[in-house]
N, C-alpha and C. Protein backbone atom coordinates (compact mmCIF):
# COMPACT_ATOMS: atom_id res chain seq x y z
N MET A 1 29.83 50.54 -26.89
CA MET A 1 28.47 50.26 -27.26
C MET A 1 27.87 51.55 -27.82
N GLY A 2 27.11 51.41 -28.88
CA GLY A 2 26.44 52.55 -29.48
C GLY A 2 25.26 53.01 -28.64
N PHE A 3 24.66 54.07 -29.07
CA PHE A 3 23.49 54.60 -28.38
C PHE A 3 22.55 55.20 -29.40
N ALA A 4 21.29 55.22 -29.06
CA ALA A 4 20.27 55.77 -29.96
C ALA A 4 20.24 57.29 -29.81
N THR A 5 20.06 57.96 -30.92
CA THR A 5 19.90 59.41 -30.88
C THR A 5 18.45 59.75 -31.22
N PRO A 6 17.92 60.78 -30.64
CA PRO A 6 16.52 61.15 -30.89
C PRO A 6 16.35 61.96 -32.18
N ILE A 7 16.78 61.40 -33.29
CA ILE A 7 16.74 62.12 -34.57
C ILE A 7 15.33 62.58 -34.91
N ARG A 8 14.36 61.72 -34.71
CA ARG A 8 12.97 62.09 -35.02
C ARG A 8 12.52 63.27 -34.16
N ASN A 9 12.95 63.29 -32.92
CA ASN A 9 12.59 64.42 -32.04
C ASN A 9 13.27 65.70 -32.49
N TRP A 10 14.43 65.61 -33.05
CA TRP A 10 15.17 66.79 -33.50
C TRP A 10 14.62 67.33 -34.82
N PHE A 11 14.39 66.41 -35.78
CA PHE A 11 14.07 66.82 -37.14
C PHE A 11 12.62 66.60 -37.57
N GLY A 12 11.82 65.97 -36.74
CA GLY A 12 10.43 65.69 -37.09
C GLY A 12 9.57 66.95 -37.15
N PRO A 13 8.27 66.79 -37.39
CA PRO A 13 7.37 67.94 -37.55
C PRO A 13 7.40 68.92 -36.36
N ALA A 14 7.54 68.39 -35.16
CA ALA A 14 7.56 69.26 -33.98
C ALA A 14 8.97 69.37 -33.41
N GLY A 15 9.95 68.99 -34.19
CA GLY A 15 11.32 68.96 -33.72
C GLY A 15 11.90 70.34 -33.44
N ALA A 16 12.75 70.38 -32.44
CA ALA A 16 13.36 71.63 -32.02
C ALA A 16 14.29 72.21 -33.08
N LEU A 17 14.86 71.36 -33.92
CA LEU A 17 15.82 71.82 -34.92
C LEU A 17 15.24 71.88 -36.33
N ARG A 18 13.96 71.71 -36.45
CA ARG A 18 13.31 71.66 -37.77
C ARG A 18 13.61 72.90 -38.61
N THR A 19 13.45 74.08 -38.05
CA THR A 19 13.70 75.32 -38.78
C THR A 19 15.17 75.43 -39.15
N ALA A 20 16.05 75.08 -38.24
CA ALA A 20 17.49 75.15 -38.52
C ALA A 20 17.88 74.20 -39.65
N VAL A 21 17.27 73.02 -39.67
CA VAL A 21 17.55 72.05 -40.73
C VAL A 21 17.08 72.58 -42.08
N ARG A 22 15.88 73.12 -42.11
CA ARG A 22 15.36 73.69 -43.36
C ARG A 22 16.25 74.82 -43.87
N ASP A 23 16.65 75.71 -42.96
CA ASP A 23 17.52 76.82 -43.35
C ASP A 23 18.86 76.32 -43.86
N ARG A 24 19.40 75.33 -43.22
CA ARG A 24 20.71 74.80 -43.59
C ARG A 24 20.66 74.10 -44.95
N LEU A 25 19.68 73.22 -45.13
CA LEU A 25 19.63 72.42 -46.36
C LEU A 25 18.99 73.14 -47.54
N LEU A 26 18.12 74.10 -47.27
CA LEU A 26 17.37 74.73 -48.35
C LEU A 26 17.61 76.23 -48.47
N GLY A 27 18.56 76.76 -47.68
CA GLY A 27 18.85 78.18 -47.70
C GLY A 27 19.58 78.62 -48.97
N ALA A 28 19.73 79.91 -49.12
CA ALA A 28 20.37 80.48 -50.31
C ALA A 28 21.82 80.04 -50.46
N ASP A 29 22.50 79.75 -49.34
CA ASP A 29 23.90 79.34 -49.42
C ASP A 29 24.07 77.82 -49.47
N SER A 30 22.98 77.13 -49.69
CA SER A 30 23.02 75.67 -49.76
C SER A 30 23.89 75.21 -50.92
N PRO A 31 24.69 74.16 -50.71
CA PRO A 31 25.56 73.67 -51.78
C PRO A 31 24.84 72.82 -52.82
N TRP A 32 23.58 72.52 -52.57
CA TRP A 32 22.83 71.66 -53.49
C TRP A 32 22.45 72.46 -54.73
N GLY A 33 22.67 71.90 -55.87
CA GLY A 33 22.27 72.55 -57.11
C GLY A 33 20.76 72.50 -57.27
N SER A 34 20.25 73.30 -58.16
CA SER A 34 18.80 73.33 -58.37
C SER A 34 18.26 71.98 -58.82
N PHE A 35 19.09 71.18 -59.46
CA PHE A 35 18.64 69.87 -59.94
C PHE A 35 18.32 68.92 -58.80
N ILE A 36 18.89 69.12 -57.65
CA ILE A 36 18.64 68.22 -56.52
C ILE A 36 17.85 68.89 -55.40
N MET A 37 17.70 70.21 -55.46
CA MET A 37 17.02 70.96 -54.39
C MET A 37 15.60 70.46 -54.15
N GLU A 38 14.87 70.13 -55.19
CA GLU A 38 13.50 69.65 -55.02
C GLU A 38 13.48 68.33 -54.25
N GLU A 39 14.42 67.46 -54.53
CA GLU A 39 14.48 66.18 -53.82
C GLU A 39 14.86 66.38 -52.36
N VAL A 40 15.80 67.26 -52.09
CA VAL A 40 16.18 67.57 -50.70
C VAL A 40 14.97 68.12 -49.95
N GLU A 41 14.24 69.02 -50.58
CA GLU A 41 13.05 69.59 -49.94
C GLU A 41 12.00 68.51 -49.68
N ARG A 42 11.83 67.61 -50.61
CA ARG A 42 10.85 66.51 -50.43
C ARG A 42 11.22 65.64 -49.23
N ILE A 43 12.50 65.33 -49.10
CA ILE A 43 12.96 64.51 -47.98
C ILE A 43 12.74 65.23 -46.66
N VAL A 44 13.08 66.51 -46.61
CA VAL A 44 12.90 67.29 -45.38
C VAL A 44 11.42 67.39 -45.03
N GLU A 45 10.58 67.67 -45.99
CA GLU A 45 9.14 67.85 -45.73
C GLU A 45 8.45 66.55 -45.34
N ARG A 46 8.93 65.43 -45.81
CA ARG A 46 8.31 64.16 -45.46
C ARG A 46 8.83 63.60 -44.14
N ASN A 47 9.71 64.35 -43.49
CA ASN A 47 10.20 63.98 -42.17
C ASN A 47 10.93 62.64 -42.15
N TRP A 48 11.69 62.38 -43.18
CA TRP A 48 12.49 61.17 -43.20
C TRP A 48 13.74 61.43 -42.39
N SER A 49 13.66 61.16 -41.11
CA SER A 49 14.71 61.54 -40.16
C SER A 49 16.09 61.01 -40.53
N GLY A 50 16.20 59.73 -40.85
CA GLY A 50 17.49 59.15 -41.20
C GLY A 50 18.12 59.82 -42.40
N PRO A 51 17.38 59.94 -43.53
CA PRO A 51 17.94 60.63 -44.68
C PRO A 51 18.26 62.10 -44.42
N VAL A 52 17.48 62.76 -43.57
CA VAL A 52 17.78 64.16 -43.24
C VAL A 52 19.13 64.23 -42.53
N TRP A 53 19.38 63.32 -41.62
CA TRP A 53 20.66 63.28 -40.92
C TRP A 53 21.80 63.07 -41.92
N LEU A 54 21.62 62.13 -42.85
CA LEU A 54 22.65 61.88 -43.86
C LEU A 54 22.89 63.12 -44.74
N LEU A 55 21.82 63.82 -45.10
CA LEU A 55 21.96 65.04 -45.89
C LEU A 55 22.73 66.11 -45.12
N LEU A 56 22.47 66.22 -43.82
CA LEU A 56 23.18 67.21 -43.01
C LEU A 56 24.67 66.90 -42.96
N VAL A 57 25.01 65.63 -42.81
CA VAL A 57 26.42 65.24 -42.77
C VAL A 57 27.08 65.51 -44.12
N LEU A 58 26.42 65.13 -45.21
CA LEU A 58 26.96 65.39 -46.54
C LEU A 58 27.06 66.89 -46.81
N ASP A 59 26.06 67.64 -46.40
CA ASP A 59 26.07 69.09 -46.56
C ASP A 59 27.30 69.70 -45.87
N GLU A 60 27.57 69.26 -44.66
CA GLU A 60 28.73 69.78 -43.93
C GLU A 60 30.02 69.41 -44.65
N TRP A 61 30.12 68.18 -45.13
CA TRP A 61 31.33 67.75 -45.84
C TRP A 61 31.54 68.60 -47.10
N ILE A 62 30.47 68.83 -47.85
CA ILE A 62 30.58 69.65 -49.08
C ILE A 62 31.04 71.06 -48.73
N ARG A 63 30.45 71.64 -47.67
CA ARG A 63 30.82 73.00 -47.28
C ARG A 63 32.30 73.08 -46.87
N GLN A 64 32.78 72.07 -46.18
CA GLN A 64 34.18 72.08 -45.75
C GLN A 64 35.15 71.79 -46.88
N ASN A 65 34.67 71.10 -47.91
CA ASN A 65 35.55 70.70 -49.01
C ASN A 65 35.16 71.31 -50.33
N ARG A 66 34.41 72.38 -50.29
CA ARG A 66 33.87 73.00 -51.50
C ARG A 66 34.96 73.32 -52.52
N ALA A 67 36.10 73.76 -52.06
CA ALA A 67 37.20 74.12 -52.99
C ALA A 67 37.74 72.90 -53.70
N ARG A 68 37.66 71.72 -53.08
CA ARG A 68 38.19 70.51 -53.67
C ARG A 68 37.17 69.73 -54.48
N VAL A 69 35.89 70.06 -54.31
CA VAL A 69 34.82 69.32 -55.01
C VAL A 69 34.52 70.01 -56.33
N ALA A 70 34.65 69.29 -57.40
CA ALA A 70 34.35 69.84 -58.73
C ALA A 70 33.00 69.30 -59.17
N TRP A 71 31.98 70.12 -59.06
CA TRP A 71 30.65 69.68 -59.47
C TRP A 71 30.53 69.91 -60.91
């Protein structure tokens, strides 16, 4: 059986991981190109918890597979 995760509590305006998420997704070593950076920032700032989680998972995949991904 699945279980609910407190994503909103983690990534929301008062979330404990809010700063870490911003640093990870919008930092200088972010894999997102400038063409998508504004959209990523918009999603993070609007506190869309579900999409933020998806971006974090995709971000991790890109970082682990950067050598194989041809952008």
